[in-house]
Amino acid sequence: MGSNSFTGSIPNTLGSLTLLQRLYLGINNLTVESSTPELRFFTALTNCRHLEEVIISLNQFNGILPDSIDQGQRPQWNRQFEQHASYMDSNELTGPIPTPIRGLQNLDCLYLEHNRLQGPIPDDLCKLTKLGDIYVSNNKLSGLKPTCLGDLKSLRRLYLDSNNLTSMILPNSWSLKDLLGLNLSTNSLNGNLPLDVGNMKVITQLDLSWNQLSGDIPSTIGSSQSLVNFSLVHNKLQGHIPQSLGNSISLEFLDLSSNNISREIPMSLETLRYLQYLNVSFNKLQGEIPTGGHFMNFTAQSFMHNDALCGVARLQVPPCRSNKHQQSRSKNVPLLKYI
């Protein structure tokens, strides 16, 4: 019954449909009952012991999730189905993520993004050992990111972006070797990126932008050869761009802008044959801008506001000094060797 113009609340009598497996009510104008702030129909749905999926995305629910949300997944439930998903995104749900959610032992997808949920991310999520996707982006969640999420070996996508999370980036965050997507952007995370970031060999999207990360970009990032989108925009990173990024052969999108990165742009980036977007502006880079590969297509916007970059005129930077002039100076000035 999705994609209609239904209004009002979801009737509790749906709980009488004891053989119900999938309930699709997304993209309507449904609301909560006026008599209570809770989404009480969830309690009624605990009678539907074969229920696999509940989709109520893109409605106007502005209540809170009841603590009884886990009652329907008791051990007596029919376990023949491996996939159980809950889609409650794009509403106006408030309050915390209910801790009894740990009872949803068969849940493999949790979609709660684009709501107004508050409070910390409960450690109880770590007890859902089949959970593959967690989407809680664009809420008002706060506090520390649970360290135990690094123990969820089933996780494939973890999206916690656009919240108020505060903590250091802990090493166990990178122990998820089968993770495909990780988005922690637009929070208040701090600390250094560990060398363990290279453990994520199959990751395709890594977005840590708009945080307070510091230190160097780990050279081990080049081990992530499946990485397609990589963003570290607007942090406090220092050091240099590692040469090993040239080993991330699948890169299409690379944004390192608005940091304190210095030294030269490594020539190894010329070998990235799929690179379509590059932004290293607002840093402290110096030296010659590479011209090979897709660098022929990048514009001045990719390199603006750096200390001492030089290159071709179309990039709106000074021309590099000739090799002859550099050789004449090399007799008196020692060459700096960058790693």
Protein backbone atom coordinates (compact mmCIF):
# COMPACT_ATOMS: atom_id res chain seq x y z
CA MET A 1 0.00 0.00 0.00
CA GLY A 2 3.01 2.26 -0.47
CA SER A 3 3.08 5.39 -2.63
CA ASN A 4 -0.50 6.46 -2.05
CA SER A 5 -2.15 9.30 -0.17
CA PHE A 6 -3.23 7.47 2.97
CA THR A 7 -3.62 9.64 6.07
CA GLY A 8 -4.33 8.96 9.72
CA SER A 9 -2.68 6.29 11.86
CA ILE A 10 -1.86 2.65 11.18
CA PRO A 11 -4.61 0.56 12.82
CA ASN A 12 -3.64 -1.86 15.57
CA THR A 13 -5.90 -4.45 13.91
CA LEU A 14 -3.09 -5.20 11.48
CA GLY A 15 -1.79 -7.36 14.30
CA SER A 16 -4.57 -9.83 13.46
CA LEU A 17 -2.83 -10.69 10.18
CA THR A 18 -0.82 -13.44 11.80
CA LEU A 19 0.59 -14.77 8.52
CA LEU A 20 1.85 -11.36 7.38
CA GLN A 21 5.42 -11.45 6.08
CA ARG A 22 5.92 -8.00 4.54
CA LEU A 23 4.22 -4.69 5.28
CA TYR A 24 4.82 -1.83 2.85
CA LEU A 25 3.30 1.51 3.88
CA GLY A 26 6.05 3.87 2.74
CA ILE A 27 5.48 7.17 0.92
CA ASN A 28 2.11 8.14 2.38
CA ASN A 29 0.92 10.79 4.84
CA LEU A 30 0.46 8.52 7.85
CA THR A 31 0.87 9.87 11.39
CA VAL A 32 0.78 8.57 14.96
CA GLU A 33 -2.39 8.36 17.02
CA SER A 34 -3.25 11.65 18.64
CA SER A 35 -3.76 9.97 22.03
CA THR A 36 -0.14 8.80 22.45
CA PRO A 37 3.32 9.80 21.23
CA GLU A 38 4.30 6.16 20.70
CA LEU A 39 4.00 4.20 17.49
CA ARG A 40 1.77 1.65 19.20
CA PHE A 41 1.02 -0.29 16.04
CA PHE A 42 4.50 -1.81 16.43
CA THR A 43 3.30 -3.53 19.59
CA ALA A 44 0.31 -4.93 17.71
CA LEU A 45 2.59 -6.23 14.96
CA THR A 46 4.33 -8.50 17.46
CA ASN A 47 1.48 -10.94 16.81
CA CYS A 48 2.65 -11.27 13.20
CA ARG A 49 5.17 -13.98 13.87
CA HIS A 50 6.23 -14.44 10.26
CA LEU A 51 6.93 -10.75 9.68
CA GLU A 52 10.17 -10.12 7.79
CA GLU A 53 9.98 -6.52 6.61
CA VAL A 54 8.27 -3.38 7.84
CA ILE A 55 8.59 -0.30 5.60
CA ILE A 56 7.08 2.95 6.86
CA SER A 57 9.59 5.31 5.25
CA LEU A 58 8.60 8.77 3.99
CA ASN A 59 5.53 9.39 6.11
CA GLN A 60 4.85 11.93 8.85
CA PHE A 61 5.41 9.86 11.97
CA ASN A 62 6.59 12.17 14.73
CA GLY A 63 6.29 9.87 17.72
CA ILE A 64 8.78 7.66 19.54
CA LEU A 65 9.58 4.00 19.02
CA PRO A 66 8.05 1.82 21.76
CA ASP A 67 10.22 -0.38 23.96
CA SER A 68 8.02 -3.30 22.95
CA ILE A 69 9.51 -3.24 19.44
CA ASP A 70 11.41 -6.47 20.07
CA GLN A 71 8.52 -8.63 21.24
CA GLY A 72 7.81 -10.06 17.81
CA GLN A 73 11.25 -11.61 17.45
CA ARG A 74 11.11 -13.97 20.41
CA PRO A 75 12.70 -17.42 20.00
CA GLN A 76 9.38 -19.00 19.07
CA TRP A 77 9.33 -16.97 15.85
CA ASN A 78 9.62 -18.81 12.59
CA ARG A 79 13.36 -18.59 11.78
CA GLN A 80 13.23 -20.01 8.27
CA PHE A 81 13.78 -16.55 6.76
CA GLU A 82 17.31 -15.18 6.91
CA GLN A 83 16.55 -11.56 6.08
CA HIS A 84 14.58 -9.24 8.30
CA ALA A 85 14.58 -5.50 7.66
CA SER A 86 13.06 -2.47 9.28
CA TYR A 87 12.70 0.71 7.21
CA MET A 88 11.63 3.71 9.27
CA ASP A 89 13.66 6.42 7.58
CA SER A 90 12.54 9.88 6.47
CA ASN A 91 9.97 10.58 9.16
CA GLU A 92 10.10 12.76 12.25
CA LEU A 93 10.68 10.06 14.84
CA THR A 94 11.97 11.40 18.14
CA GLY A 95 13.40 9.98 21.33
CA PRO A 96 16.17 7.39 21.64
CA ILE A 97 16.76 4.19 19.71
CA PRO A 98 14.99 1.72 22.04
CA THR A 99 17.40 -0.61 23.83
CA PRO A 100 15.05 -3.63 23.58
CA ILE A 101 15.97 -3.67 19.90
CA ARG A 102 18.50 -6.32 20.92
CA GLY A 103 15.64 -8.82 20.75
CA LEU A 104 15.48 -8.53 16.96
CA GLN A 105 18.00 -11.32 16.53
CA ASN A 106 17.21 -11.90 12.84
CA LEU A 107 17.36 -8.26 11.82
CA ASP A 108 19.83 -7.70 9.02
CA CYS A 109 18.96 -4.13 7.93
CA LEU A 110 18.11 -1.13 10.11
CA TYR A 111 17.10 2.11 8.39
CA LEU A 112 16.43 5.04 10.72
CA GLU A 113 18.03 7.91 8.82
CA HIS A 114 16.43 11.33 8.33
CA ASN A 115 14.55 11.46 11.63
CA ARG A 116 15.06 13.37 14.88
CA LEU A 117 16.28 10.54 17.08
CA GLN A 118 18.30 11.62 20.10
CA GLY A 119 20.63 10.14 22.69
CA PRO A 120 23.48 7.67 22.22
CA ILE A 121 23.69 4.76 19.81
CA PRO A 122 22.90 1.82 22.13
CA ASP A 123 25.45 -0.96 22.62
CA ASP A 124 22.50 -3.31 22.12
CA LEU A 125 22.96 -2.97 18.36
CA CYS A 126 26.17 -4.95 18.76
CA LYS A 127 24.13 -7.96 19.90
CA LEU A 128 22.40 -8.21 16.51
CA THR A 129 24.94 -10.57 15.01
CA LYS A 130 23.20 -10.77 11.61
CA LEU A 131 23.04 -7.03 11.09
CA GLY A 132 24.48 -6.10 7.70
CA ASP A 133 23.35 -2.50 7.17
CA ILE A 134 23.00 0.28 9.75
CA TYR A 135 21.69 3.61 8.47
CA VAL A 136 21.10 6.21 11.21
CA SER A 137 22.30 9.28 9.28
CA ASN A 138 20.78 12.74 9.72
CA ASN A 139 19.50 12.47 13.25
CA LYS A 140 20.48 14.14 16.51
CA LEU A 141 22.32 11.19 18.03
CA SER A 142 25.09 12.17 20.42
CA GLY A 143 27.74 10.74 22.69
CA LEU A 144 30.39 8.19 21.82
CA LYS A 145 30.33 5.86 18.86
CA PRO A 146 30.03 2.34 20.37
CA THR A 147 33.39 0.60 20.11
CA CYS A 148 31.67 -2.77 19.97
CA LEU A 149 30.46 -2.04 16.43
CA GLY A 150 33.90 -3.18 15.35
CA ASP A 151 32.96 -6.67 16.54
CA LEU A 152 29.97 -6.96 14.19
CA LYS A 153 31.60 -9.09 11.51
CA SER A 154 28.34 -9.21 9.54
CA LEU A 155 28.38 -5.43 8.89
CA ARG A 156 28.68 -4.34 5.28
CA ARG A 157 27.48 -0.73 5.46
CA LEU A 158 27.70 1.62 8.45
CA TYR A 159 26.30 5.12 8.00
CA LEU A 160 26.39 7.32 11.10
CA ASP A 161 26.90 10.65 9.35
CA SER A 162 25.27 13.98 10.19
CA ASN A 163 24.81 13.46 13.91
CA ASN A 164 26.49 14.84 17.03
CA LEU A 165 28.79 11.91 17.78
CA THR A 166 32.00 12.64 19.68
CA SER A 167 34.89 10.26 20.24
CA MET A 168 38.28 9.35 18.95
CA ILE A 169 38.65 7.13 15.90
CA LEU A 170 39.44 3.85 17.64
CA PRO A 171 41.52 1.05 16.06
CA ASN A 172 38.73 -1.53 16.27
CA SER A 173 36.70 0.62 13.89
CA TRP A 174 38.92 -0.71 11.11
CA SER A 175 38.70 -4.42 11.99
CA LEU A 176 35.66 -4.86 9.73
CA LYS A 177 37.53 -6.37 6.80
CA ASP A 178 34.36 -7.00 4.77
CA LEU A 179 32.92 -3.50 5.16
CA LEU A 180 31.77 -1.97 1.85
CA GLY A 181 30.70 1.50 3.01
CA LEU A 182 31.61 3.63 6.03
CA ASN A 183 30.30 7.17 6.48
CA LEU A 184 31.13 9.00 9.71
CA SER A 185 31.06 12.50 8.20
CA THR A 186 29.66 15.63 9.80
CA ASN A 187 30.19 14.67 13.42
CA SER A 188 32.76 15.77 16.00
CA LEU A 189 35.15 12.82 15.80
CA ASN A 190 38.78 13.49 16.65
CA GLY A 191 42.10 11.68 16.86
CA ASN A 192 44.40 10.18 14.26
CA LEU A 193 43.63 7.72 11.51
CA PRO A 194 45.43 4.47 12.40
CA LEU A 195 47.45 2.32 10.02
CA ASP A 196 44.72 -0.30 10.43
CA VAL A 197 42.57 1.63 7.95
CA GLY A 198 44.32 -0.44 5.30
CA ASN A 199 42.65 -3.59 6.64
CA MET A 200 39.46 -2.71 4.79
CA LYS A 201 40.42 -4.32 1.50
CA VAL A 202 36.98 -4.33 -0.14
CA ILE A 203 35.59 -0.98 1.00
CA THR A 204 34.20 1.18 -1.81
CA GLN A 205 33.10 4.31 0.09
CA LEU A 206 34.98 5.93 2.97
CA ASP A 207 33.73 9.35 4.08
CA LEU A 208 35.25 10.93 7.19
CA SER A 209 34.73 14.54 6.15
CA TRP A 210 33.70 17.44 8.38
CA ASN A 211 35.18 16.15 11.62
CA GLN A 212 38.23 17.12 13.69
CA LEU A 213 40.65 14.40 12.63
CA SER A 214 44.35 15.22 12.88
CA GLY A 215 47.71 13.63 12.08
CA ASP A 216 48.78 12.10 8.78
CA ILE A 217 46.85 10.25 6.11
CA PRO A 218 48.03 6.65 6.65
CA SER A 219 50.15 5.24 3.85
CA THR A 220 48.27 1.94 4.22
CA ILE A 221 45.22 3.47 2.51
CA GLY A 222 46.72 2.29 -0.78
CA SER A 223 45.85 -1.29 0.22
CA SER A 224 42.16 -0.49 -0.33
CA GLN A 225 42.14 -1.16 -4.05
CA SER A 226 38.34 -1.31 -4.26
CA LEU A 227 37.97 2.20 -2.86
CA VAL A 228 35.86 4.34 -5.21
CA ASN A 229 34.89 7.39 -3.08
CA PHE A 230 37.30 8.77 -0.48
CA SER A 231 36.66 12.05 1.35
CA LEU A 232 38.55 13.72 4.20
CA VAL A 233 37.23 17.25 3.61
CA HIS A 234 37.39 19.82 6.38
CA ASN A 235 39.51 18.15 9.05
CA LYS A 236 42.83 19.07 10.66
CA LEU A 237 45.02 16.60 8.81
CA GLN A 238 48.70 17.37 8.32
CA GLY A 239 51.66 15.68 6.67
CA HIS A 240 51.58 14.77 3.00
CA ILE A 241 49.45 12.93 0.48
CA PRO A 242 50.84 9.36 0.50
CA GLN A 243 52.29 8.01 -2.72
CA SER A 244 50.42 4.78 -2.00
CA LEU A 245 47.12 6.42 -2.96
CA GLY A 246 48.18 5.66 -6.50
CA ASN A 247 47.60 1.98 -5.66
CA SER A 248 43.90 2.61 -4.98
CA ILE A 249 43.23 1.77 -8.59
CA SER A 250 39.43 2.06 -8.38
CA LEU A 251 39.34 5.66 -7.14
CA GLU A 252 36.83 7.89 -8.91
CA PHE A 253 36.28 10.58 -6.26
CA LEU A 254 39.06 11.98 -4.04
CA ASP A 255 38.53 15.04 -1.86
CA LEU A 256 41.23 16.12 0.60
CA SER A 257 40.38 19.82 0.66
CA SER A 258 40.33 22.15 3.68
CA ASN A 259 43.07 20.55 5.75
CA ASN A 260 46.70 21.41 6.53
CA ILE A 261 48.31 18.96 4.11
CA SER A 262 51.70 20.03 2.77
CA ARG A 263 54.48 18.96 0.36
CA GLU A 264 53.85 17.89 -3.21
CA ILE A 265 50.96 16.22 -5.02
CA PRO A 266 52.35 12.73 -5.72
CA MET A 267 52.84 11.85 -9.38
CA SER A 268 51.44 8.39 -8.60
CA LEU A 269 47.94 9.90 -8.79
CA GLU A 270 48.42 10.23 -12.55
CA THR A 271 47.98 6.45 -12.84
CA LEU A 272 44.43 6.50 -11.44
CA ARG A 273 42.63 5.82 -14.68
CA TYR A 274 39.09 6.15 -13.25
CA LEU A 275 39.64 9.35 -11.25
CA GLN A 276 36.89 11.79 -12.25
CA TYR A 277 36.93 14.25 -9.34
CA LEU A 278 39.88 15.61 -7.38
CA ASN A 279 39.93 18.43 -4.85
CA VAL A 280 43.03 19.34 -2.83
CA SER A 281 42.21 23.04 -2.42
CA PHE A 282 42.69 24.99 0.82
CA ASN A 283 45.81 23.16 1.98
CA LYS A 284 49.53 23.98 2.08
CA LEU A 285 50.67 22.08 -0.97
CA GLN A 286 53.67 23.08 -3.04
CA GLY A 287 55.55 22.02 -6.15
CA GLU A 288 54.41 21.10 -9.62
CA ILE A 289 50.85 19.97 -10.30
CA PRO A 290 50.93 16.68 -12.24
CA THR A 291 49.78 16.87 -15.85
CA GLY A 292 49.34 13.23 -16.85
CA GLY A 293 46.27 11.04 -16.77
CA HIS A 294 43.03 12.74 -15.72
CA PHE A 295 44.97 15.76 -14.42
CA MET A 296 44.56 17.11 -17.94
CA ASN A 297 40.83 17.50 -17.21
CA PHE A 298 40.92 19.05 -13.74
CA THR A 299 40.32 22.78 -13.35
CA ALA A 300 41.76 25.48 -11.13
CA GLN A 301 39.06 24.84 -8.53
CA SER A 302 40.77 21.56 -7.66
CA PHE A 303 43.99 23.29 -6.55
CA MET A 304 43.15 26.81 -5.37
CA HIS A 305 44.35 28.34 -2.08
CA ASN A 306 47.58 26.42 -1.56
CA ASP A 307 50.98 27.78 -0.57
CA ALA A 308 53.23 27.23 -3.52
CA LEU A 309 51.79 25.13 -6.30
CA CYS A 310 52.99 25.75 -9.83
CA GLY A 311 52.03 24.43 -13.23
CA VAL A 312 50.23 25.26 -16.45
CA ALA A 313 48.50 28.60 -16.87
CA ARG A 314 44.94 27.22 -17.11
CA LEU A 315 45.18 26.13 -13.46
CA GLN A 316 45.75 29.76 -12.40
CA VAL A 317 49.04 29.03 -10.64
CA PRO A 318 52.53 30.44 -11.33
CA PRO A 319 54.62 28.59 -13.90
CA CYS A 320 57.20 26.21 -12.51
CA ARG A 321 60.83 27.24 -12.74
CA SER A 322 62.78 25.68 -15.60
CA ASN A 323 64.91 22.62 -14.97
CA LYS A 324 67.99 24.59 -16.00
CA HIS A 325 67.39 27.14 -13.26
CA GLN A 326 66.71 24.41 -10.73
CA GLN A 327 69.96 22.64 -11.67
CA SER A 328 71.99 25.83 -11.21
CA ARG A 329 70.59 26.22 -7.72
CA SER A 330 71.03 22.55 -6.82
CA LYS A 331 74.78 23.08 -6.42
CA ASN A 332 74.17 25.33 -3.44
CA VAL A 333 70.83 24.12 -2.11
CA PRO A 334 70.43 20.50 -0.93
CA LEU A 335 67.50 18.65 -2.48
CA LEU A 336 64.74 17.58 -0.13
CA LYS A 337 63.67 14.00 -0.51
CA TYR A 338 60.00 13.38 0.22
CA ILE A 339 58.75 9.95 1.16
